[in-house]
Amino acid sequence: MEFGIALGVAILGVVGTTIYRSEVSGTVPAEMPVAAADLTRDTLAGAAAAADGLTDPLGIALLGPAREAFTTGLNVVAVICALTAAVLAYLAAALLRHLRATAGTDDQTHNTCRRSDS
């Protein structure tokens, strides 16, 4: 189970990062230093670090589109998670609908044991 969780997080991270990089690549201003542009294309944290070292207008021009690209990637990942959860809930309901609930018998057995202890 832990492997599945780690794999899911990794896949969703790759999807989010890919979307971020594709969205932000065309928005880096031409007058941006090469090191700052490379940091911006990597991650949002890189964009924030690059913007700190630039003048205000250039830093704002860099950080705004990077934040929008990150938000777009995060929204896509959230939609993927919601759709996956909906599909899995449907599959669970469809595949397990023929099973009976057995919680009542366990409760009765547990209560009977308590009464005999008193």
PDB file of N, CA and C in Angstrom:
ATOM      1  N   MET A   1       0.818  -1.189   0.000  1.00  0.00           N
ATOM      2  CA  MET A   1       0.000   0.000   0.000  1.00  0.00           C
ATOM      3  C   MET A   1       0.863   1.255   0.000  1.00  0.00           C
ATOM      4  N   GLU A   2       1.940   1.235   0.786  1.00  0.00           N
ATOM      5  CA  GLU A   2       2.814   2.404   0.837  1.00  0.00           C
ATOM      6  C   GLU A   2       3.458   2.668  -0.514  1.00  0.00           C
ATOM      7  N   PHE A   3       3.792   1.601  -1.228  1.00  0.00           N
ATOM      8  CA  PHE A   3       4.372   1.759  -2.549  1.00  0.00           C
ATOM      9  C   PHE A   3       3.376   2.427  -3.492  1.00  0.00           C
ATOM     10  N   GLY A   4       2.118   2.037  -3.417  1.00  0.00           N
ATOM     11  CA  GLY A   4       1.086   2.625  -4.263  1.00  0.00           C
ATOM     12  C   GLY A   4       0.893   4.106  -3.972  1.00  0.00           C
ATOM     13  N   ILE A   5       0.934   4.461  -2.698  1.00  0.00           N
ATOM     14  CA  ILE A   5       0.802   5.873  -2.326  1.00  0.00           C
ATOM     15  C   ILE A   5       1.987   6.663  -2.854  1.00  0.00           C
ATOM     16  N   ALA A   6       3.192   6.135  -2.659  1.00  0.00           N
ATOM     17  CA  ALA A   6       4.393   6.826  -3.138  1.00  0.00           C
ATOM     18  C   ALA A   6       4.381   6.962  -4.651  1.00  0.00           C
ATOM     19  N   LEU A   7       3.952   5.928  -5.337  1.00  0.00           N
ATOM     20  CA  LEU A   7       3.878   5.970  -6.790  1.00  0.00           C
ATOM     21  C   LEU A   7       2.846   6.995  -7.256  1.00  0.00           C
ATOM     22  N   GLY A   8       1.697   7.027  -6.594  1.00  0.00           N
ATOM     23  CA  GLY A   8       0.666   8.010  -6.951  1.00  0.00           C
ATOM     24  C   GLY A   8       1.136   9.434  -6.741  1.00  0.00           C
ATOM     25  N   VAL A   9       1.808   9.687  -5.620  1.00  0.00           N
ATOM     26  CA  VAL A   9       2.334  11.030  -5.357  1.00  0.00           C
ATOM     27  C   VAL A   9       3.377  11.405  -6.404  1.00  0.00           C
ATOM     28  N   ALA A  10       4.230  10.445  -6.762  1.00  0.00           N
ATOM     29  CA  ALA A  10       5.260  10.717  -7.766  1.00  0.00           C
ATOM     30  C   ALA A  10       4.641  11.039  -9.129  1.00  0.00           C
ATOM     31  N   ILE A  11       3.647  10.260  -9.515  1.00  0.00           N
ATOM     32  CA  ILE A  11       3.001  10.496 -10.814  1.00  0.00           C
ATOM     33  C   ILE A  11       2.301  11.850 -10.827  1.00  0.00           C
ATOM     34  N   LEU A  12       1.579  12.160  -9.760  1.00  0.00           N
ATOM     35  CA  LEU A  12       0.893  13.452  -9.703  1.00  0.00           C
ATOM     36  C   LEU A  12       1.899  14.604  -9.670  1.00  0.00           C
ATOM     37  N   GLY A  13       3.028  14.392  -9.010  1.00  0.00           N
ATOM     38  CA  GLY A  13       4.069  15.413  -8.995  1.00  0.00           C
ATOM     39  C   GLY A  13       4.653  15.657 -10.373  1.00  0.00           C
ATOM     40  N   VAL A  14       4.850  14.591 -11.121  1.00  0.00           N
ATOM     41  CA  VAL A  14       5.363  14.728 -12.485  1.00  0.00           C
ATOM     42  C   VAL A  14       4.359  15.467 -13.357  1.00  0.00           C
ATOM     43  N   VAL A  15       3.089  15.138 -13.208  1.00  0.00           N
ATOM     44  CA  VAL A  15       2.050  15.818 -13.993  1.00  0.00           C
ATOM     45  C   VAL A  15       2.031  17.314 -13.664  1.00  0.00           C
ATOM     46  N   GLY A  16       2.028  17.648 -12.378  1.00  0.00           N
ATOM     47  CA  GLY A  16       2.015  19.055 -11.971  1.00  0.00           C
ATOM     48  C   GLY A  16       3.245  19.809 -12.442  1.00  0.00           C
ATOM     49  N   THR A  17       4.412  19.187 -12.317  1.00  0.00           N
ATOM     50  CA  THR A  17       5.651  19.832 -12.743  1.00  0.00           C
ATOM     51  C   THR A  17       5.687  20.021 -14.250  1.00  0.00           C
ATOM     52  N   THR A  18       5.224  19.041 -14.987  1.00  0.00           N
ATOM     53  CA  THR A  18       5.192  19.150 -16.447  1.00  0.00           C
ATOM     54  C   THR A  18       4.284  20.292 -16.890  1.00  0.00           C
ATOM     55  N   ILE A  19       3.145  20.393 -16.268  1.00  0.00           N
ATOM     56  CA  ILE A  19       2.220  21.476 -16.620  1.00  0.00           C
ATOM     57  C   ILE A  19       2.829  22.820 -16.254  1.00  0.00           C
ATOM     58  N   TYR A  20       3.440  22.917 -15.075  1.00  0.00           N
ATOM     59  CA  TYR A  20       4.092  24.163 -14.664  1.00  0.00           C
ATOM     60  C   TYR A  20       5.139  24.585 -15.692  1.00  0.00           C
ATOM     61  N   ARG A  21       6.003  23.658 -16.040  1.00  0.00           N
ATOM     62  CA  ARG A  21       7.095  23.992 -16.968  1.00  0.00           C
ATOM     63  C   ARG A  21       6.586  24.373 -18.349  1.00  0.00           C
ATOM     64  N   SER A  22       5.546  23.698 -18.823  1.00  0.00           N
ATOM     65  CA  SER A  22       5.017  24.051 -20.145  1.00  0.00           C
ATOM     66  C   SER A  22       4.316  25.401 -20.129  1.00  0.00           C
ATOM     67  N   GLU A  23       3.649  25.713 -19.018  1.00  0.00           N
ATOM     68  CA  GLU A  23       2.947  26.997 -18.915  1.00  0.00           C
ATOM     69  C   GLU A  23       3.911  28.166 -18.745  1.00  0.00           C
ATOM     70  N   VAL A  24       4.968  27.973 -17.978  1.00  0.00           N
ATOM     71  CA  VAL A  24       5.852  29.076 -17.635  1.00  0.00           C
ATOM     72  C   VAL A  24       6.923  29.327 -18.701  1.00  0.00           C
ATOM     73  N   SER A  25       7.195  28.344 -19.543  1.00  0.00           N
ATOM     74  CA  SER A  25       8.309  28.476 -20.484  1.00  0.00           C
ATOM     75  C   SER A  25       8.140  29.639 -21.457  1.00  0.00           C
ATOM     76  N   GLY A  26       6.955  29.926 -21.885  1.00  0.00           N
ATOM     77  CA  GLY A  26       6.743  31.011 -22.841  1.00  0.00           C
ATOM     78  C   GLY A  26       6.528  32.370 -22.196  1.00  0.00           C
ATOM     79  N   THR A  27       6.508  32.431 -20.873  1.00  0.00           N
ATOM     80  CA  THR A  27       6.194  33.692 -20.200  1.00  0.00           C
ATOM     81  C   THR A  27       7.411  34.391 -19.608  1.00  0.00           C
ATOM     82  N   VAL A  28       8.583  33.781 -19.696  1.00  0.00           N
ATOM     83  CA  VAL A  28       9.786  34.399 -19.134  1.00  0.00           C
ATOM     84  C   VAL A  28      10.172  35.582 -20.013  1.00  0.00           C
ATOM     85  N   PRO A  29      10.284  36.790 -19.422  1.00  0.00           N
ATOM     86  CA  PRO A  29      10.640  37.975 -20.209  1.00  0.00           C
ATOM     87  C   PRO A  29      12.004  37.818 -20.887  1.00  0.00           C
ATOM     88  N   ALA A  30      12.149  38.398 -22.062  1.00  0.00           N
ATOM     89  CA  ALA A  30      13.378  38.263 -22.847  1.00  0.00           C
ATOM     90  C   ALA A  30      14.577  38.906 -22.151  1.00  0.00           C
ATOM     91  N   GLU A  31      14.359  39.966 -21.388  1.00  0.00           N
ATOM     92  CA  GLU A  31      15.463  40.667 -20.721  1.00  0.00           C
ATOM     93  C   GLU A  31      15.899  39.999 -19.423  1.00  0.00           C
ATOM     94  N   MET A  32      15.351  38.845 -19.146  1.00  0.00           N
ATOM     95  CA  MET A  32      15.668  38.111 -17.923  1.00  0.00           C
ATOM     96  C   MET A  32      17.059  37.498 -18.026  1.00  0.00           C
ATOM     97  N   PRO A  33      17.858  37.590 -16.947  1.00  0.00           N
ATOM     98  CA  PRO A  33      19.152  36.889 -16.954  1.00  0.00           C
ATOM     99  C   PRO A  33      18.944  35.377 -17.122  1.00  0.00           C
ATOM    100  N   VAL A  34      19.899  34.726 -17.756  1.00  0.00           N
ATOM    101  CA  VAL A  34      19.768  33.300 -18.070  1.00  0.00           C
ATOM    102  C   VAL A  34      19.605  32.455 -16.807  1.00  0.00           C
ATOM    103  N   ALA A  35      20.364  32.754 -15.757  1.00  0.00           N
ATOM    104  CA  ALA A  35      20.268  31.967 -14.519  1.00  0.00           C
ATOM    105  C   ALA A  35      18.880  32.107 -13.894  1.00  0.00           C
ATOM    106  N   ALA A  36      18.340  33.310 -13.900  1.00  0.00           N
ATOM    107  CA  ALA A  36      17.003  33.535 -13.338  1.00  0.00           C
ATOM    108  C   ALA A  36      15.943  32.834 -14.181  1.00  0.00           C
ATOM    109  N   ALA A  37      16.092  32.861 -15.483  1.00  0.00           N
ATOM    110  CA  ALA A  37      15.134  32.186 -16.363  1.00  0.00           C
ATOM    111  C   ALA A  37      15.165  30.677 -16.139  1.00  0.00           C
ATOM    112  N   ASP A  38      16.365  30.116 -15.962  1.00  0.00           N
ATOM    113  CA  ASP A  38      16.474  28.676 -15.713  1.00  0.00           C
ATOM    114  C   ASP A  38      15.837  28.287 -14.376  1.00  0.00           C
ATOM    115  N   LEU A  39      16.067  29.098 -13.338  1.00  0.00           N
ATOM    116  CA  LEU A  39      15.451  28.838 -12.035  1.00  0.00           C
ATOM    117  C   LEU A  39      13.927  28.891 -12.133  1.00  0.00           C
ATOM    118  N   THR A  40      13.433  29.849 -12.883  1.00  0.00           N
ATOM    119  CA  THR A  40      11.990  30.015 -13.040  1.00  0.00           C
ATOM    120  C   THR A  40      11.377  28.825 -13.754  1.00  0.00           C
ATOM    121  N   ARG A  41      12.051  28.316 -14.752  1.00  0.00           N
ATOM    122  CA  ARG A  41      11.519  27.171 -15.498  1.00  0.00           C
ATOM    123  C   ARG A  41      11.523  25.885 -14.680  1.00  0.00           C
ATOM    124  N   ASP A  42      12.343  25.813 -13.637  1.00  0.00           N
ATOM    125  CA  ASP A  42      12.414  24.603 -12.824  1.00  0.00           C
ATOM    126  C   ASP A  42      11.235  24.476 -11.861  1.00  0.00           C
ATOM    127  N   THR A  43      11.092  25.428 -10.947  1.00  0.00           N
ATOM    128  CA  THR A  43      10.050  25.338  -9.922  1.00  0.00           C
ATOM    129  C   THR A  43       9.564  26.735  -9.545  1.00  0.00           C
ATOM    130  N   LEU A  44       8.452  26.775  -8.831  1.00  0.00           N
ATOM    131  CA  LEU A  44       7.943  28.043  -8.318  1.00  0.00           C
ATOM    132  C   LEU A  44       8.895  28.612  -7.273  1.00  0.00           C
ATOM    133  N   ALA A  45       9.493  27.750  -6.465  1.00  0.00           N
ATOM    134  CA  ALA A  45      10.478  28.218  -5.483  1.00  0.00           C
ATOM    135  C   ALA A  45      11.677  28.843  -6.184  1.00  0.00           C
ATOM    136  N   GLY A  46      12.085  28.283  -7.299  1.00  0.00           N
ATOM    137  CA  GLY A  46      13.163  28.866  -8.092  1.00  0.00           C
ATOM    138  C   GLY A  46      12.771  30.219  -8.645  1.00  0.00           C
ATOM    139  N   ALA A  47      11.527  30.339  -9.079  1.00  0.00           N
ATOM    140  CA  ALA A  47      11.042  31.621  -9.590  1.00  0.00           C
ATOM    141  C   ALA A  47      11.029  32.670  -8.489  1.00  0.00           C
ATOM    142  N   ALA A  48      10.621  32.281  -7.282  1.00  0.00           N
ATOM    143  CA  ALA A  48      10.609  33.219  -6.157  1.00  0.00           C
ATOM    144  C   ALA A  48      12.022  33.644  -5.793  1.00  0.00           C
ATOM    145  N   ALA A  49      12.959  32.698  -5.803  1.00  0.00           N
ATOM    146  CA  ALA A  49      14.358  33.032  -5.516  1.00  0.00           C
ATOM    147  C   ALA A  49      14.927  33.939  -6.591  1.00  0.00           C
ATOM    148  N   ALA A  50      14.600  33.678  -7.833  1.00  0.00           N
ATOM    149  CA  ALA A  50      15.086  34.517  -8.931  1.00  0.00           C
ATOM    150  C   ALA A  50      14.477  35.909  -8.853  1.00  0.00           C
ATOM    151  N   ALA A  51      13.202  35.996  -8.498  1.00  0.00           N
ATOM    152  CA  ALA A  51      12.536  37.302  -8.410  1.00  0.00           C
ATOM    153  C   ALA A  51      13.108  38.147  -7.281  1.00  0.00           C
ATOM    154  N   ASP A  52      13.573  37.503  -6.198  1.00  0.00           N
ATOM    155  CA  ASP A  52      14.179  38.245  -5.083  1.00  0.00           C
ATOM    156  C   ASP A  52      15.453  38.973  -5.510  1.00  0.00           C
ATOM    157  N   GLY A  53      16.173  38.416  -6.457  1.00  0.00           N
ATOM    158  CA  GLY A  53      17.420  39.018  -6.899  1.00  0.00           C
ATOM    159  C   GLY A  53      17.264  40.017  -8.025  1.00  0.00           C
ATOM    160  N   LEU A  54      16.054  40.300  -8.438  1.00  0.00           N
ATOM    161  CA  LEU A  54      15.814  41.220  -9.558  1.00  0.00           C
ATOM    162  C   LEU A  54      15.155  42.505  -9.074  1.00  0.00           C
ATOM    163  N   THR A  55      15.120  43.500  -9.950  1.00  0.00           N
ATOM    164  CA  THR A  55      14.412  44.738  -9.626  1.00  0.00           C
ATOM    165  C   THR A  55      12.916  44.437  -9.565  1.00  0.00           C
ATOM    166  N   ASP A  56      12.182  45.325  -8.899  1.00  0.00           N
ATOM    167  CA  ASP A  56      10.751  45.072  -8.683  1.00  0.00           C
ATOM    168  C   ASP A  56       9.954  44.836  -9.965  1.00  0.00           C
ATOM    169  N   PRO A  57      10.043  45.669 -10.980  1.00  0.00           N
ATOM    170  CA  PRO A  57       9.208  45.411 -12.165  1.00  0.00           C
ATOM    171  C   PRO A  57       9.547  44.091 -12.852  1.00  0.00           C
ATOM    172  N   LEU A  58      10.828  43.772 -12.908  1.00  0.00           N
ATOM    173  CA  LEU A  58      11.228  42.539 -13.567  1.00  0.00           C
ATOM    174  C   LEU A  58      10.869  41.318 -12.708  1.00  0.00           C
ATOM    175  N   GLY A  59      11.019  41.443 -11.399  1.00  0.00           N
ATOM    176  CA  GLY A  59      10.651  40.351 -10.495  1.00  0.00           C
ATOM    177  C   GLY A  59       9.159  40.072 -10.523  1.00  0.00           C
ATOM    178  N   ILE A  60       8.356  41.124 -10.579  1.00  0.00           N
ATOM    179  CA  ILE A  60       6.901  40.964 -10.664  1.00  0.00           C
ATOM    180  C   ILE A  60       6.509  40.330 -11.996  1.00  0.00           C
ATOM    181  N   ALA A  61       7.183  40.762 -13.072  1.00  0.00           N
ATOM    182  CA  ALA A  61       6.897  40.196 -14.391  1.00  0.00           C
ATOM    183  C   ALA A  61       7.261  38.721 -14.454  1.00  0.00           C
ATOM    184  N   LEU A  62       8.194  38.320 -13.628  1.00  0.00           N
ATOM    185  CA  LEU A  62       8.611  36.926 -13.585  1.00  0.00           C
ATOM    186  C   LEU A  62       7.726  36.087 -12.669  1.00  0.00           C
ATOM    187  N   LEU A  63       7.427  36.615 -11.498  1.00  0.00           N
ATOM    188  CA  LEU A  63       6.732  35.843 -10.471  1.00  0.00           C
ATOM    189  C   LEU A  63       5.241  35.667 -10.753  1.00  0.00           C
ATOM    190  N   GLY A  64       4.592  36.648 -11.327  1.00  0.00           N
ATOM    191  CA  GLY A  64       3.157  36.543 -11.624  1.00  0.00           C
ATOM    192  C   GLY A  64       2.817  35.367 -12.515  1.00  0.00           C
ATOM    193  N   PRO A  65       3.434  35.258 -13.687  1.00  0.00           N
ATOM    194  CA  PRO A  65       3.146  34.102 -14.556  1.00  0.00           C
ATOM    195  C   PRO A  65       3.575  32.762 -13.942  1.00  0.00           C
ATOM    196  N   ALA A  66       4.638  32.786 -13.136  1.00  0.00           N
ATOM    197  CA  ALA A  66       5.067  31.535 -12.483  1.00  0.00           C
ATOM    198  C   ALA A  66       4.007  31.070 -11.494  1.00  0.00           C
ATOM    199  N   ARG A  67       3.422  31.990 -10.754  1.00  0.00           N
ATOM    200  CA  ARG A  67       2.351  31.620  -9.816  1.00  0.00           C
ATOM    201  C   ARG A  67       1.127  31.087 -10.554  1.00  0.00           C
ATOM    202  N   GLU A  68       0.796  31.721 -11.666  1.00  0.00           N
ATOM    203  CA  GLU A  68      -0.350  31.256 -12.458  1.00  0.00           C
ATOM    204  C   GLU A  68      -0.095  29.860 -13.027  1.00  0.00           C
ATOM    205  N   ALA A  69       1.125  29.614 -13.488  1.00  0.00           N
ATOM    206  CA  ALA A  69       1.468  28.296 -14.028  1.00  0.00           C
ATOM    207  C   ALA A  69       1.404  27.234 -12.930  1.00  0.00           C
ATOM    208  N   PHE A  70       1.885  27.566 -11.741  1.00  0.00           N
ATOM    209  CA  PHE A  70       1.822  26.629 -10.622  1.00  0.00           C
ATOM    210  C   PHE A  70       0.373  26.328 -10.261  1.00  0.00           C
ATOM    211  N   THR A  71      -0.456  27.362 -10.215  1.00  0.00           N
ATOM    212  CA  THR A  71      -1.869  27.176  -9.887  1.00  0.00           C
ATOM    213  C   THR A  71      -2.560  26.308 -10.935  1.00  0.00           C
ATOM    214  N   THR A  72      -2.225  26.497 -12.197  1.00  0.00           N
ATOM    215  CA  THR A  72      -2.801  25.667 -13.254  1.00  0.00           C
ATOM    216  C   THR A  72      -2.413  24.207 -13.065  1.00  0.00           C
ATOM    217  N   GLY A  73      -1.146  23.949 -12.785  1.00  0.00           N
ATOM    218  CA  GLY A  73      -0.696  22.583 -12.545  1.00  0.00           C
ATOM    219  C   GLY A  73      -1.384  21.962 -11.340  1.00  0.00           C
ATOM    220  N   LEU A  74      -1.520  22.741 -10.280  1.00  0.00           N
ATOM    221  CA  LEU A  74      -2.181  22.250  -9.070  1.00  0.00           C
ATOM    222  C   LEU A  74      -3.656  21.953  -9.328  1.00  0.00           C
ATOM    223  N   ASN A  75      -4.324  22.797 -10.097  1.00  0.00           N
ATOM    224  CA  ASN A  75      -5.735  22.565 -10.422  1.00  0.00           C
ATOM    225  C   ASN A  75      -5.918  21.301 -11.258  1.00  0.00           C
ATOM    226  N   VAL A  76      -5.025  21.073 -12.209  1.00  0.00           N
ATOM    227  CA  VAL A  76      -5.124  19.862 -13.032  1.00  0.00           C
ATOM    228  C   VAL A  76      -4.929  18.615 -12.168  1.00  0.00           C
ATOM    229  N   VAL A  77      -3.964  18.658 -11.269  1.00  0.00           N
ATOM    230  CA  VAL A  77      -3.724  17.522 -10.370  1.00  0.00           C
ATOM    231  C   VAL A  77      -4.940  17.301  -9.468  1.00  0.00           C
ATOM    232  N   ALA A  78      -5.561  18.366  -8.993  1.00  0.00           N
ATOM    233  CA  ALA A  78      -6.750  18.226  -8.146  1.00  0.00           C
ATOM    234  C   ALA A  78      -7.903  17.589  -8.919  1.00  0.00           C
ATOM    235  N   VAL A  79      -8.082  17.963 -10.173  1.00  0.00           N
ATOM    236  CA  VAL A  79      -9.142  17.373 -10.992  1.00  0.00           C
ATOM    237  C   VAL A  79      -8.860  15.888 -11.226  1.00  0.00           C
ATOM    238  N   ILE A  80      -7.609  15.556 -11.492  1.00  0.00           N
ATOM    239  CA  ILE A  80      -7.244  14.149 -11.681  1.00  0.00           C
ATOM    240  C   ILE A  80      -7.547  13.353 -10.411  1.00  0.00           C
ATOM    241  N   CYS A  81      -7.205  13.905  -9.255  1.00  0.00           N
ATOM    242  CA  CYS A  81      -7.478  13.220  -7.981  1.00  0.00           C
ATOM    243  C   CYS A  81      -8.980  13.052  -7.761  1.00  0.00           C
ATOM    244  N   ALA A  82      -9.758  14.077  -8.040  1.00  0.00           N
ATOM    245  CA  ALA A  82     -11.204  13.993  -7.851  1.00  0.00           C
ATOM    246  C   ALA A  82     -11.820  12.953  -8.783  1.00  0.00           C
ATOM    247  N   LEU A  83     -11.401  12.937 -10.029  1.00  0.00           N
ATOM    248  CA  LEU A  83     -11.933  11.954 -10.975  1.00  0.00           C
ATOM    249  C   LEU A  83     -11.528  10.536 -10.579  1.00  0.00           C
ATOM    250  N   THR A  84     -10.297  10.377 -10.132  1.00  0.00           N
ATOM    251  CA  THR A  84      -9.842   9.060  -9.695  1.00  0.00           C
ATOM    252  C   THR A  84     -10.652   8.582  -8.488  1.00  0.00           C
ATOM    253  N   ALA A  85     -10.884   9.473  -7.536  1.00  0.00           N
ATOM    254  CA  ALA A  85     -11.674   9.104  -6.357  1.00  0.00           C
ATOM    255  C   ALA A  85     -13.101   8.735  -6.744  1.00  0.00           C
ATOM    256  N   ALA A  86     -13.688   9.467  -7.674  1.00  0.00           N
ATOM    257  CA  ALA A  86     -15.054   9.169  -8.111  1.00  0.00           C
ATOM    258  C   ALA A  86     -15.119   7.814  -8.809  1.00  0.00           C
ATOM    259  N   VAL A  87     -14.159   7.539  -9.666  1.00  0.00           N
ATOM    260  CA  VAL A  87     -14.143   6.252 -10.378  1.00  0.00           C
ATOM    261  C   VAL A  87     -13.943   5.106  -9.392  1.00  0.00           C
ATOM    262  N   LEU A  88     -13.030   5.266  -8.439  1.00  0.00           N
ATOM    263  CA  LEU A  88     -12.796   4.205  -7.463  1.00  0.00           C
ATOM    264  C   LEU A  88     -13.996   3.992  -6.546  1.00  0.00           C
ATOM    265  N   ALA A  89     -14.694   5.063  -6.189  1.00  0.00           N
ATOM    266  CA  ALA A  89     -15.896   4.923  -5.369  1.00  0.00           C
ATOM    267  C   ALA A  89     -16.986   4.176  -6.141  1.00  0.00           C
ATOM    268  N   TYR A  90     -17.134   4.504  -7.407  1.00  0.00           N
ATOM    269  CA  TYR A  90     -18.111   3.809  -8.234  1.00  0.00           C
ATOM    270  C   TYR A  90     -17.762   2.326  -8.356  1.00  0.00           C
ATOM    271  N   LEU A  91     -16.480   2.034  -8.611  1.00  0.00           N
ATOM    272  CA  LEU A  91     -16.061   0.641  -8.730  1.00  0.00           C
ATOM    273  C   LEU A  91     -16.278  -0.129  -7.428  1.00  0.00           C
ATOM    274  N   ALA A  92     -15.967   0.501  -6.313  1.00  0.00           N
ATOM    275  CA  ALA A  92     -16.178  -0.157  -5.026  1.00  0.00           C
ATOM    276  C   ALA A  92     -17.657  -0.450  -4.808  1.00  0.00           C
ATOM    277  N   ALA A  93     -18.510   0.503  -5.116  1.00  0.00           N
ATOM    278  CA  ALA A  93     -19.955   0.299  -4.944  1.00  0.00           C
ATOM    279  C   ALA A  93     -20.468  -0.776  -5.894  1.00  0.00           C
ATOM    280  N   ALA A  94     -19.993  -0.766  -7.119  1.00  0.00           N
ATOM    281  CA  ALA A  94     -20.478  -1.734  -8.104  1.00  0.00           C
ATOM    282  C   ALA A  94     -19.968  -3.147  -7.815  1.00  0.00           C
ATOM    283  N   LEU A  95     -18.731  -3.256  -7.400  1.00  0.00           N
ATOM    284  CA  LEU A  95     -18.161  -4.582  -7.186  1.00  0.00           C
ATOM    285  C   LEU A  95     -18.512  -5.186  -5.825  1.00  0.00           C
ATOM    286  N   LEU A  96     -18.855  -4.362  -4.864  1.00  0.00           N
ATOM    287  CA  LEU A  96     -19.134  -4.874  -3.522  1.00  0.00           C
ATOM    288  C   LEU A  96     -20.617  -4.842  -3.160  1.00  0.00           C
ATOM    289  N   ARG A  97     -21.486  -4.503  -4.084  1.00  0.00           N
ATOM    290  CA  ARG A  97     -22.904  -4.364  -3.757  1.00  0.00           C
ATOM    291  C   ARG A  97     -23.562  -5.683  -3.411  1.00  0.00           C
ATOM    292  N   HIS A  98     -23.008  -6.784  -3.846  1.00  0.00           N
ATOM    293  CA  HIS A  98     -23.621  -8.086  -3.547  1.00  0.00           C
ATOM    294  C   HIS A  98     -23.272  -8.595  -2.148  1.00  0.00           C
ATOM    295  N   LEU A  99     -22.356  -7.970  -1.449  1.00  0.00           N
ATOM    296  CA  LEU A  99     -21.984  -8.400  -0.100  1.00  0.00           C
ATOM    297  C   LEU A  99     -22.961  -7.849   0.926  1.00  0.00           C
ATOM    298  N   ARG A 100     -23.237  -8.640   1.951  1.00  0.00           N
ATOM    299  CA  ARG A 100     -24.127  -8.206   3.025  1.00  0.00           C
ATOM    300  C   ARG A 100     -23.333  -7.528   4.118  1.00  0.00           C
ATOM    301  N   ALA A 101     -23.978  -6.634   4.811  1.00  0.00           N
ATOM    302  CA  ALA A 101     -23.377  -6.009   5.984  1.00  0.00           C
ATOM    303  C   ALA A 101     -23.415  -7.006   7.123  1.00  0.00           C
ATOM    304  N   THR A 102     -22.307  -7.180   7.835  1.00  0.00           N
ATOM    305  CA  THR A 102     -22.252  -8.139   8.929  1.00  0.00           C
ATOM    306  C   THR A 102     -21.899  -7.478  10.249  1.00  0.00           C
ATOM    307  N   ALA A 103     -21.959  -6.187  10.317  1.00  0.00           N
ATOM    308  CA  ALA A 103     -21.581  -5.467  11.535  1.00  0.00           C
ATOM    309  C   ALA A 103     -22.525  -5.791  12.688  1.00  0.00           C
ATOM    310  N   GLY A 104     -23.782  -6.045  12.428  1.00  0.00           N
ATOM    311  CA  GLY A 104     -24.756  -6.328  13.476  1.00  0.00           C
ATOM    312  C   GLY A 104     -24.420  -7.587  14.248  1.00  0.00           C
ATOM    313  N   THR A 105     -23.954  -8.615  13.604  1.00  0.00           N
ATOM    314  CA  THR A 105     -23.625  -9.853  14.311  1.00  0.00           C
ATOM    315  C   THR A 105     -22.414  -9.662  15.212  1.00  0.00           C
ATOM    316  N   ASP A 106     -21.455  -8.881  14.819  1.00  0.00           N
ATOM    317  CA  ASP A 106     -20.286  -8.635  15.667  1.00  0.00           C
ATOM    318  C   ASP A 106     -20.685  -7.849  16.914  1.00  0.00           C
ATOM    319  N   ASP A 107     -21.578  -6.869  16.763  1.00  0.00           N
ATOM    320  CA  ASP A 107     -22.037  -6.079  17.904  1.00  0.00           C
ATOM    321  C   ASP A 107     -22.812  -6.945  18.895  1.00  0.00           C
ATOM    322  N   GLN A 108     -23.651  -7.841  18.392  1.00  0.00           N
ATOM    323  CA  GLN A 108     -24.426  -8.707  19.277  1.00  0.00           C
ATOM    324  C   GLN A 108     -23.505  -9.645  20.051  1.00  0.00           C
ATOM    325  N   THR A 109     -22.518 -10.186  19.418  1.00  0.00           N
ATOM    326  CA  THR A 109     -21.572 -11.082  20.082  1.00  0.00           C
ATOM    327  C   THR A 109     -20.811 -10.326  21.155  1.00  0.00           C
ATOM    328  N   HIS A 110     -20.389  -9.130  20.850  1.00  0.00           N
ATOM    329  CA  HIS A 110     -19.637  -8.317  21.800  1.00  0.00           C
ATOM    330  C   HIS A 110     -20.501  -7.956  23.015  1.00  0.00           C
ATOM    331  N   ASN A 111     -21.761  -7.592  22.776  1.00  0.00           N
ATOM    332  CA  ASN A 111     -22.663  -7.259  23.868  1.00  0.00           C
ATOM    333  C   ASN A 111     -22.962  -8.474  24.752  1.00  0.00           C
ATOM    334  N   THR A 112     -23.091  -9.637  24.160  1.00  0.00           N
ATOM    335  CA  THR A 112     -23.348 -10.859  24.912  1.00  0.00           C
ATOM    336  C   THR A 112     -22.186 -11.166  25.842  1.00  0.00           C
ATOM    337  N   CYS A 113     -20.992 -10.961  25.379  1.00  0.00           N
ATOM    338  CA  CYS A 113     -19.809 -11.214  26.211  1.00  0.00           C
ATOM    339  C   CYS A 113     -19.776 -10.241  27.395  1.00  0.00           C
ATOM    340  N   ARG A 114     -20.174  -9.013  27.185  1.00  0.00           N
ATOM    341  CA  ARG A 114     -20.175  -8.036  28.273  1.00  0.00           C
ATOM    342  C   ARG A 114     -21.195  -8.394  29.337  1.00  0.00           C
ATOM    343  N   ARG A 115     -22.376  -8.862  28.917  1.00  0.00           N
ATOM    344  CA  ARG A 115     -23.430  -9.198  29.881  1.00  0.00           C
ATOM    345  C   ARG A 115     -23.010 -10.381  30.767  1.00  0.00           C
ATOM    346  N   SER A 116     -22.310 -11.311  30.204  1.00  0.00           N
ATOM    347  CA  SER A 116     -21.908 -12.468  31.011  1.00  0.00           C
ATOM    348  C   SER A 116     -20.812 -12.120  31.994  1.00  0.00           C
ATOM    349  N   ASP A 117     -20.051 -11.048  31.730  1.00  0.00           N
ATOM    350  CA  ASP A 117     -18.984 -10.619  32.659  1.00  0.00           C
ATOM    351  C   ASP A 117     -19.561  -9.910  33.872  1.00  0.00           C
ATOM    352  N   SER A 118     -20.763  -9.340  33.817  1.00  0.00           N
ATOM    353  CA  SER A 118     -21.292  -8.534  34.908  1.00  0.00           C
ATOM    354  C   SER A 118     -21.730  -9.319  36.074  1.00  0.00           C
TER     355      SER A 118
END
